[in-house]
Amino acid sequence: VQLQASGGGLVQTGGSLGLSCAVSGSTFRFTLFGWYRQAPGNQRELVASISKGVITTHYADSVRGRFTISRDNAKNTVYLQMNSLKPEDSAVYYCNAVPPLERSWGQGTQVTVSS
């Protein structure tokens, strides 16, 4: 499985960004997927996940109410809409299955929130 995250960038505090993740492979629609992030000096953390049936979503406490995860099984794509961004949201964001496929981590996409 290959994963390509995109959509990151530089935004001011309170701004919004939308991330996309293109997933190769035919098993996408049968897999729980999530967005992870890793800031310098920190461990990678799962911030949002979505069930294969697009029925159930889960969010880390730090992003609940501000981030929205979604997926389009027809397009093999996972999205993360991030609103009301804070400097502490700055990190490299990755998409991957939940639990993650260790061989499938891509380069991620950098999100930087300026204060």
Protein backbone atom coordinates (compact mmCIF):
# COMPACT_ATOMS: atom_id res chain seq x y z
CA VAL A 1 0.00 0.00 0.00
CA GLN A 2 1.30 3.44 -0.94
CA LEU A 3 0.12 6.56 0.80
CA GLN A 4 0.56 10.11 -0.46
CA ALA A 5 -0.44 12.93 1.84
CA SER A 6 -0.76 16.48 0.55
CA GLY A 7 -2.27 19.85 1.38
CA GLY A 8 -0.04 21.09 4.15
CA GLY A 9 1.36 24.56 4.35
CA LEU A 10 1.85 27.66 6.45
CA VAL A 11 -1.19 29.24 8.07
CA GLN A 12 -1.83 31.76 10.82
CA THR A 13 -3.41 30.88 14.13
CA GLY A 14 -7.13 30.43 13.67
CA GLY A 15 -6.79 29.53 10.03
CA SER A 16 -7.81 26.39 8.17
CA LEU A 17 -6.17 23.76 6.01
CA GLY A 18 -7.47 20.69 4.22
CA LEU A 19 -5.30 17.60 3.84
CA SER A 20 -5.77 14.77 1.37
CA CYS A 21 -4.31 11.29 1.27
CA ALA A 22 -4.37 9.16 -1.85
CA VAL A 23 -4.21 5.46 -1.07
CA SER A 24 -3.16 2.84 -3.57
CA GLY A 25 -4.39 -0.71 -3.33
CA SER A 26 -7.72 -2.46 -3.50
CA THR A 27 -8.11 -3.02 0.23
CA PHE A 28 -8.74 0.64 1.08
CA ARG A 29 -12.47 0.36 1.48
CA PHE A 30 -12.05 -2.50 3.94
CA THR A 31 -9.57 -0.72 6.19
CA LEU A 32 -9.85 1.62 9.14
CA PHE A 33 -7.78 4.69 8.33
CA GLY A 34 -6.43 7.60 10.29
CA TRP A 35 -4.36 10.76 10.31
CA TYR A 36 -1.28 10.89 12.48
CA ARG A 37 1.08 13.73 13.28
CA GLN A 38 4.57 14.10 14.61
CA ALA A 39 6.12 17.30 15.90
CA PRO A 40 9.89 17.61 16.46
CA GLY A 41 10.91 15.81 19.63
CA ASN A 42 7.52 14.17 20.01
CA GLN A 43 6.22 10.72 19.27
CA ARG A 44 3.89 10.21 16.38
CA GLU A 45 0.28 10.38 17.54
CA LEU A 46 -3.04 9.41 16.03
CA VAL A 47 -5.27 12.48 15.81
CA ALA A 48 -8.29 11.15 13.92
CA SER A 49 -9.61 7.89 12.53
CA ILE A 50 -12.55 6.82 10.41
CA SER A 51 -14.12 3.42 10.00
CA LYS A 52 -14.20 1.65 6.67
CA GLY A 53 -17.94 2.18 6.43
CA VAL A 54 -17.61 5.93 7.08
CA ILE A 55 -19.84 5.46 10.09
CA THR A 56 -17.56 5.96 13.06
CA THR A 57 -14.97 8.64 13.65
CA HIS A 58 -12.66 9.20 16.59
CA TYR A 59 -10.59 12.21 17.51
CA ALA A 60 -7.84 12.99 19.95
CA ASP A 61 -8.98 15.34 22.68
CA SER A 62 -6.58 17.98 21.39
CA VAL A 63 -8.34 18.27 18.02
CA ARG A 64 -11.94 17.28 18.73
CA GLY A 65 -14.33 19.95 17.54
CA ARG A 66 -11.74 21.53 15.25
CA PHE A 67 -10.72 18.71 12.89
CA THR A 68 -12.96 16.60 10.69
CA ILE A 69 -11.91 13.36 9.04
CA SER A 70 -13.70 11.95 6.04
CA ARG A 71 -13.09 9.44 3.28
CA ASP A 72 -14.24 8.70 -0.24
CA ASN A 73 -14.01 4.96 -0.85
CA ALA A 74 -14.68 5.42 -4.56
CA LYS A 75 -11.64 7.66 -4.86
CA ASN A 76 -9.43 5.79 -2.35
CA THR A 77 -8.88 9.07 -0.54
CA VAL A 78 -8.91 10.19 3.09
CA TYR A 79 -9.33 13.82 4.05
CA LEU A 80 -8.66 15.92 7.12
CA GLN A 81 -10.24 19.34 7.42
CA MET A 82 -8.47 21.38 10.08
CA ASN A 83 -10.08 24.52 11.42
CA SER A 84 -9.18 26.94 14.21
CA LEU A 85 -5.57 25.88 13.94
CA LYS A 86 -3.18 26.51 16.80
CA PRO A 87 0.61 26.69 16.89
CA GLU A 88 0.65 23.37 18.76
CA ASP A 89 -0.95 21.75 15.69
CA SER A 90 2.31 22.31 13.80
CA ALA A 91 3.71 18.94 12.77
CA VAL A 92 4.23 16.60 9.88
CA TYR A 93 0.91 14.92 9.16
CA TYR A 94 0.67 11.37 7.84
CA CYS A 95 -2.15 9.10 6.86
CA ASN A 96 -2.04 5.37 7.45
CA ALA A 97 -4.18 2.46 8.41
CA VAL A 98 -5.16 1.92 12.03
CA PRO A 99 -3.13 0.18 13.32
CA PRO A 100 -0.50 1.57 10.96
CA LEU A 101 1.22 -0.34 8.20
CA GLU A 102 4.83 0.27 9.20
CA ARG A 103 6.16 -0.14 5.68
CA SER A 104 3.68 2.34 4.25
CA TRP A 105 4.59 5.58 6.02
CA GLY A 106 5.01 8.18 3.31
CA GLN A 107 6.81 11.51 3.61
CA GLY A 108 3.80 13.18 5.15
CA THR A 109 2.87 16.80 4.69
CA GLN A 110 4.15 19.67 6.82
CA VAL A 111 1.67 21.88 8.63
CA THR A 112 3.01 25.02 10.25
CA VAL A 113 0.80 27.34 12.26
CA SER A 114 2.28 30.73 13.03
CA SER A 115 1.31 32.64 16.17
